[in-house]
């Protein structure tokens, strides 16, 4: 007896067989769909969510970035500069991302707040500054040059007191 889960698995196998038999198709090729849902991790093994979309540049047909899904209503874009490689099970990042809703701490590890918004150059999409929310309705914009470290938390190169004194 074939169950529904078996039908899905057999359909996937049949689709792969059909794709592998297309004339002129190289042996090592895959579709972008195969990577959606894969875990996104950096070199230290920190998980950042799962691949939601792969973005392809329309003129060069190269990967220009990915949308990462990290919990309820928390998606963000990572450009190709963050991507090391895709593996069978995950997307490996060569550098950890600064992302919305990440916790921000000072140089001594004291909590400052969370990233509310990333501000990027509209032409280059390069990160310029972070908008950090600390408390209800309190936000400050900090230049990316103040970021000392990136990982599970974003570490600023200043103390909490220095942060409070920023205009």
C-alpha atoms as a PDB file:
ATOM      1  CA  UNK A   1       0.000   0.000   0.000  1.00  0.00           C
ATOM      2  CA  UNK A   2       1.346   3.452  -0.945  1.00  0.00           C
ATOM      3  CA  UNK A   3       0.771   6.269   1.567  1.00  0.00           C
ATOM      4  CA  UNK A   4       0.519   9.990   0.772  1.00  0.00           C
ATOM      5  CA  UNK A   5       4.033  10.628   2.090  1.00  0.00           C
ATOM      6  CA  UNK A   6       5.319   7.900  -0.244  1.00  0.00           C
ATOM      7  CA  UNK A   7       3.613   9.543  -3.229  1.00  0.00           C
ATOM      8  CA  UNK A   8       5.361  12.853  -2.505  1.00  0.00           C
ATOM      9  CA  UNK A   9       8.705  11.101  -2.112  1.00  0.00           C
ATOM     10  CA  UNK A  10       8.225   9.064  -5.299  1.00  0.00           C
ATOM     11  CA  UNK A  11       7.112  12.176  -7.196  1.00  0.00           C
ATOM     12  CA  UNK A  12      10.292  13.969  -6.124  1.00  0.00           C
ATOM     13  CA  UNK A  13      12.430  11.036  -7.239  1.00  0.00           C
ATOM     14  CA  UNK A  14      10.593  10.882 -10.569  1.00  0.00           C
ATOM     15  CA  UNK A  15      11.043  14.629 -11.097  1.00  0.00           C
ATOM     16  CA  UNK A  16      14.787  14.305 -10.425  1.00  0.00           C
ATOM     17  CA  UNK A  17      15.063  11.369 -12.839  1.00  0.00           C
ATOM     18  CA  UNK A  18      13.197  13.314 -15.511  1.00  0.00           C
ATOM     19  CA  UNK A  19      15.468  16.340 -14.984  1.00  0.00           C
ATOM     20  CA  UNK A  20      18.623  14.260 -15.099  1.00  0.00           C
ATOM     21  CA  UNK A  21      17.578  12.837 -18.465  1.00  0.00           C
ATOM     22  CA  UNK A  22      17.099  16.153 -20.246  1.00  0.00           C
ATOM     23  CA  UNK A  23      19.388  16.195 -23.215  1.00  0.00           C
ATOM     24  CA  UNK A  24      22.269  18.656 -22.982  1.00  0.00           C
ATOM     25  CA  UNK A  25      21.840  19.316 -19.265  1.00  0.00           C
ATOM     26  CA  UNK A  26      25.102  19.230 -17.276  1.00  0.00           C
ATOM     27  CA  UNK A  27      25.416  16.582 -14.564  1.00  0.00           C
ATOM     28  CA  UNK A  28      25.950  18.914 -11.595  1.00  0.00           C
ATOM     29  CA  UNK A  29      22.974  21.236 -11.806  1.00  0.00           C
ATOM     30  CA  UNK A  30      20.053  21.982  -9.508  1.00  0.00           C
ATOM     31  CA  UNK A  31      17.075  24.263  -9.231  1.00  0.00           C
ATOM     32  CA  UNK A  32      16.747  27.167  -6.818  1.00  0.00           C
ATOM     33  CA  UNK A  33      13.707  25.418  -5.330  1.00  0.00           C
ATOM     34  CA  UNK A  34      15.985  22.737  -3.882  1.00  0.00           C
ATOM     35  CA  UNK A  35      17.506  25.301  -1.495  1.00  0.00           C
ATOM     36  CA  UNK A  36      14.354  26.846  -0.047  1.00  0.00           C
ATOM     37  CA  UNK A  37      13.845  25.751   3.536  1.00  0.00           C
ATOM     38  CA  UNK A  38      17.526  24.910   4.078  1.00  0.00           C
ATOM     39  CA  UNK A  39      19.175  26.107   7.281  1.00  0.00           C
ATOM     40  CA  UNK A  40      21.430  29.192   7.078  1.00  0.00           C
ATOM     41  CA  UNK A  41      24.583  28.959   9.232  1.00  0.00           C
ATOM     42  CA  UNK A  42      27.871  30.832   9.572  1.00  0.00           C
ATOM     43  CA  UNK A  43      31.370  29.394  10.045  1.00  0.00           C
ATOM     44  CA  UNK A  44      30.862  29.157  13.811  1.00  0.00           C
ATOM     45  CA  UNK A  45      27.680  27.129  13.445  1.00  0.00           C
ATOM     46  CA  UNK A  46      25.322  29.935  14.438  1.00  0.00           C
ATOM     47  CA  UNK A  47      21.947  29.443  12.736  1.00  0.00           C
ATOM     48  CA  UNK A  48      20.240  32.506  11.232  1.00  0.00           C
ATOM     49  CA  UNK A  49      17.011  31.030   9.913  1.00  0.00           C
ATOM     50  CA  UNK A  50      16.063  29.277   6.691  1.00  0.00           C
ATOM     51  CA  UNK A  51      16.289  30.172   3.002  1.00  0.00           C
ATOM     52  CA  UNK A  52      12.949  31.570   1.850  1.00  0.00           C
ATOM     53  CA  UNK A  53      13.868  32.864  -1.631  1.00  0.00           C
ATOM     54  CA  UNK A  54      16.896  32.909  -3.880  1.00  0.00           C
ATOM     55  CA  UNK A  55      17.242  36.114  -5.894  1.00  0.00           C
ATOM     56  CA  UNK A  56      18.689  35.891  -9.398  1.00  0.00           C
ATOM     57  CA  UNK A  57      20.110  38.895 -11.265  1.00  0.00           C
ATOM     58  CA  UNK A  58      18.053  39.095 -14.498  1.00  0.00           C
ATOM     59  CA  UNK A  59      20.948  40.098 -16.755  1.00  0.00           C
ATOM     60  CA  UNK A  60      23.793  37.964 -15.433  1.00  0.00           C
ATOM     61  CA  UNK A  61      21.627  35.051 -14.237  1.00  0.00           C
ATOM     62  CA  UNK A  62      23.788  34.788 -11.093  1.00  0.00           C
ATOM     63  CA  UNK A  63      22.628  34.619  -7.489  1.00  0.00           C
ATOM     64  CA  UNK A  64      22.385  38.187  -6.227  1.00  0.00           C
ATOM     65  CA  UNK A  65      21.193  37.253  -2.741  1.00  0.00           C
ATOM     66  CA  UNK A  66      18.740  35.339  -0.592  1.00  0.00           C
ATOM     67  CA  UNK A  67      15.774  36.115   1.618  1.00  0.00           C
ATOM     68  CA  UNK A  68      16.185  34.525   5.041  1.00  0.00           C
ATOM     69  CA  UNK A  69      13.180  33.622   7.182  1.00  0.00           C
ATOM     70  CA  UNK A  70      13.932  33.840  10.902  1.00  0.00           C
ATOM     71  CA  UNK A  71      10.762  33.256  12.879  1.00  0.00           C
ATOM     72  CA  UNK A  72       7.327  34.827  12.622  1.00  0.00           C
ATOM     73  CA  UNK A  73       7.204  37.844  10.277  1.00  0.00           C
ATOM     74  CA  UNK A  74      10.977  38.277  10.392  1.00  0.00           C
ATOM     75  CA  UNK A  75      12.438  38.020   6.887  1.00  0.00           C
ATOM     76  CA  UNK A  76      15.555  39.815   5.691  1.00  0.00           C
ATOM     77  CA  UNK A  77      17.746  39.983   2.599  1.00  0.00           C
ATOM     78  CA  UNK A  78      21.395  38.950   2.420  1.00  0.00           C
ATOM     79  CA  UNK A  79      23.412  39.906  -0.655  1.00  0.00           C
ATOM     80  CA  UNK A  80      25.678  37.405  -2.383  1.00  0.00           C
ATOM     81  CA  UNK A  81      28.730  38.818  -0.565  1.00  0.00           C
ATOM     82  CA  UNK A  82      27.569  36.931   2.552  1.00  0.00           C
ATOM     83  CA  UNK A  83      27.249  33.581   0.769  1.00  0.00           C
ATOM     84  CA  UNK A  84      30.097  31.075   0.930  1.00  0.00           C
ATOM     85  CA  UNK A  85      28.336  28.087  -0.612  1.00  0.00           C
ATOM     86  CA  UNK A  86      25.245  25.946  -0.710  1.00  0.00           C
ATOM     87  CA  UNK A  87      25.564  22.399   0.611  1.00  0.00           C
ATOM     88  CA  UNK A  88      23.135  19.518   0.559  1.00  0.00           C
ATOM     89  CA  UNK A  89      21.705  20.577   3.920  1.00  0.00           C
ATOM     90  CA  UNK A  90      22.429  24.278   4.350  1.00  0.00           C
ATOM     91  CA  UNK A  91      23.543  27.656   3.085  1.00  0.00           C
ATOM     92  CA  UNK A  92      26.940  28.495   4.557  1.00  0.00           C
ATOM     93  CA  UNK A  93      27.768  32.138   5.192  1.00  0.00           C
ATOM     94  CA  UNK A  94      31.315  33.451   4.953  1.00  0.00           C
ATOM     95  CA  UNK A  95      30.531  36.384   7.266  1.00  0.00           C
ATOM     96  CA  UNK A  96      27.809  36.666   9.913  1.00  0.00           C
ATOM     97  CA  UNK A  97      25.004  39.070   8.981  1.00  0.00           C
ATOM     98  CA  UNK A  98      23.820  42.176  10.775  1.00  0.00           C
ATOM     99  CA  UNK A  99      20.083  41.625  10.731  1.00  0.00           C
ATOM    100  CA  UNK A 100      16.846  43.227  11.952  1.00  0.00           C
ATOM    101  CA  UNK A 101      15.697  42.274  15.463  1.00  0.00           C
ATOM    102  CA  UNK A 102      19.185  41.095  16.481  1.00  0.00           C
ATOM    103  CA  UNK A 103      20.167  41.952  20.031  1.00  0.00           C
ATOM    104  CA  UNK A 104      22.718  44.763  20.412  1.00  0.00           C
ATOM    105  CA  UNK A 105      25.181  44.889  23.309  1.00  0.00           C
ATOM    106  CA  UNK A 106      27.982  47.244  24.322  1.00  0.00           C
ATOM    107  CA  UNK A 107      31.696  46.375  24.365  1.00  0.00           C
ATOM    108  CA  UNK A 108      31.257  44.958  27.906  1.00  0.00           C
ATOM    109  CA  UNK A 109      28.285  42.755  26.961  1.00  0.00           C
ATOM    110  CA  UNK A 110      25.583  44.987  28.514  1.00  0.00           C
ATOM    111  CA  UNK A 111      22.293  44.947  26.615  1.00  0.00           C
ATOM    112  CA  UNK A 112      21.550  48.118  24.662  1.00  0.00           C
ATOM    113  CA  UNK A 113      18.548  47.112  22.548  1.00  0.00           C
ATOM    114  CA  UNK A 114      17.655  45.490  19.233  1.00  0.00           C
ATOM    115  CA  UNK A 115      18.141  46.467  15.613  1.00  0.00           C
ATOM    116  CA  UNK A 116      14.951  48.052  14.370  1.00  0.00           C
ATOM    117  CA  UNK A 117      16.080  48.927  10.849  1.00  0.00           C
ATOM    118  CA  UNK A 118      19.141  48.689   8.612  1.00  0.00           C
ATOM    119  CA  UNK A 119      19.931  51.746   6.529  1.00  0.00           C
ATOM    120  CA  UNK A 120      21.672  51.001   3.243  1.00  0.00           C
ATOM    121  CA  UNK A 121      23.070  53.050   0.391  1.00  0.00           C
ATOM    122  CA  UNK A 122      20.329  52.974  -2.295  1.00  0.00           C
ATOM    123  CA  UNK A 123      22.808  52.558  -5.179  1.00  0.00           C
ATOM    124  CA  UNK A 124      25.227  50.003  -3.722  1.00  0.00           C
ATOM    125  CA  UNK A 125      22.978  48.439  -1.047  1.00  0.00           C
ATOM    126  CA  UNK A 126      25.985  48.642   1.296  1.00  0.00           C
ATOM    127  CA  UNK A 127      25.116  48.955   4.969  1.00  0.00           C
ATOM    128  CA  UNK A 128      25.649  52.497   6.250  1.00  0.00           C
ATOM    129  CA  UNK A 129      24.002  52.577   9.673  1.00  0.00           C
ATOM    130  CA  UNK A 130      21.768  50.767  12.155  1.00  0.00           C
ATOM    131  CA  UNK A 131      18.675  52.061  13.861  1.00  0.00           C
ATOM    132  CA  UNK A 132      18.690  50.612  17.362  1.00  0.00           C
ATOM    133  CA  UNK A 133      15.557  50.470  19.502  1.00  0.00           C
ATOM    134  CA  UNK A 134      16.106  50.600  23.245  1.00  0.00           C
ATOM    135  CA  UNK A 135      12.981  50.900  25.296  1.00  0.00           C
ATOM    136  CA  UNK A 136       9.567  52.045  24.167  1.00  0.00           C
ATOM    137  CA  UNK A 137       9.758  54.549  21.281  1.00  0.00           C
ATOM    138  CA  UNK A 138      13.495  55.251  21.846  1.00  0.00           C
ATOM    139  CA  UNK A 139      15.729  54.764  18.823  1.00  0.00           C
ATOM    140  CA  UNK A 140      19.193  55.940  17.843  1.00  0.00           C
ATOM    141  CA  UNK A 141      21.039  55.702  14.565  1.00  0.00           C
ATOM    142  CA  UNK A 142      24.572  54.333  14.810  1.00  0.00           C
ATOM    143  CA  UNK A 143      27.123  54.229  11.988  1.00  0.00           C
ATOM    144  CA  UNK A 144      28.310  50.779  10.923  1.00  0.00           C
ATOM    145  CA  UNK A 145      31.806  51.922  11.915  1.00  0.00           C
ATOM    146  CA  UNK A 146      30.674  51.581  15.563  1.00  0.00           C
ATOM    147  CA  UNK A 147      30.050  47.839  15.113  1.00  0.00           C
ATOM    148  CA  UNK A 148      32.860  45.892  16.769  1.00  0.00           C
ATOM    149  CA  UNK A 149      31.590  42.335  16.328  1.00  0.00           C
ATOM    150  CA  UNK A 150      28.799  40.330  14.723  1.00  0.00           C
ATOM    151  CA  UNK A 151      27.466  36.937  15.770  1.00  0.00           C
ATOM    152  CA  UNK A 152      24.392  35.924  17.711  1.00  0.00           C
ATOM    153  CA  UNK A 153      24.515  39.472  19.087  1.00  0.00           C
ATOM    154  CA  UNK A 154      25.789  42.692  17.542  1.00  0.00           C
ATOM    155  CA  UNK A 155      28.573  44.197  19.655  1.00  0.00           C
ATOM    156  CA  UNK A 156      29.155  47.957  19.533  1.00  0.00           C
ATOM    157  CA  UNK A 157      32.611  49.453  20.006  1.00  0.00           C
ATOM    158  CA  UNK A 158      31.444  51.653  22.884  1.00  0.00           C
ATOM    159  CA  UNK A 159      30.125  51.403  26.422  1.00  0.00           C
ATOM    160  CA  UNK A 160      26.458  51.712  27.305  1.00  0.00           C
ATOM    161  CA  UNK A 161      27.177  55.163  28.750  1.00  0.00           C
ATOM    162  CA  UNK A 162      28.827  56.301  25.497  1.00  0.00           C
ATOM    163  CA  UNK A 163      25.822  54.970  23.590  1.00  0.00           C
ATOM    164  CA  UNK A 164      23.427  56.924  25.815  1.00  0.00           C
ATOM    165  CA  UNK A 165      25.395  60.119  25.106  1.00  0.00           C
ATOM    166  CA  UNK A 166      25.071  59.764  21.310  1.00  0.00           C
ATOM    167  CA  UNK A 167      22.886  62.401  19.691  1.00  0.00           C
END
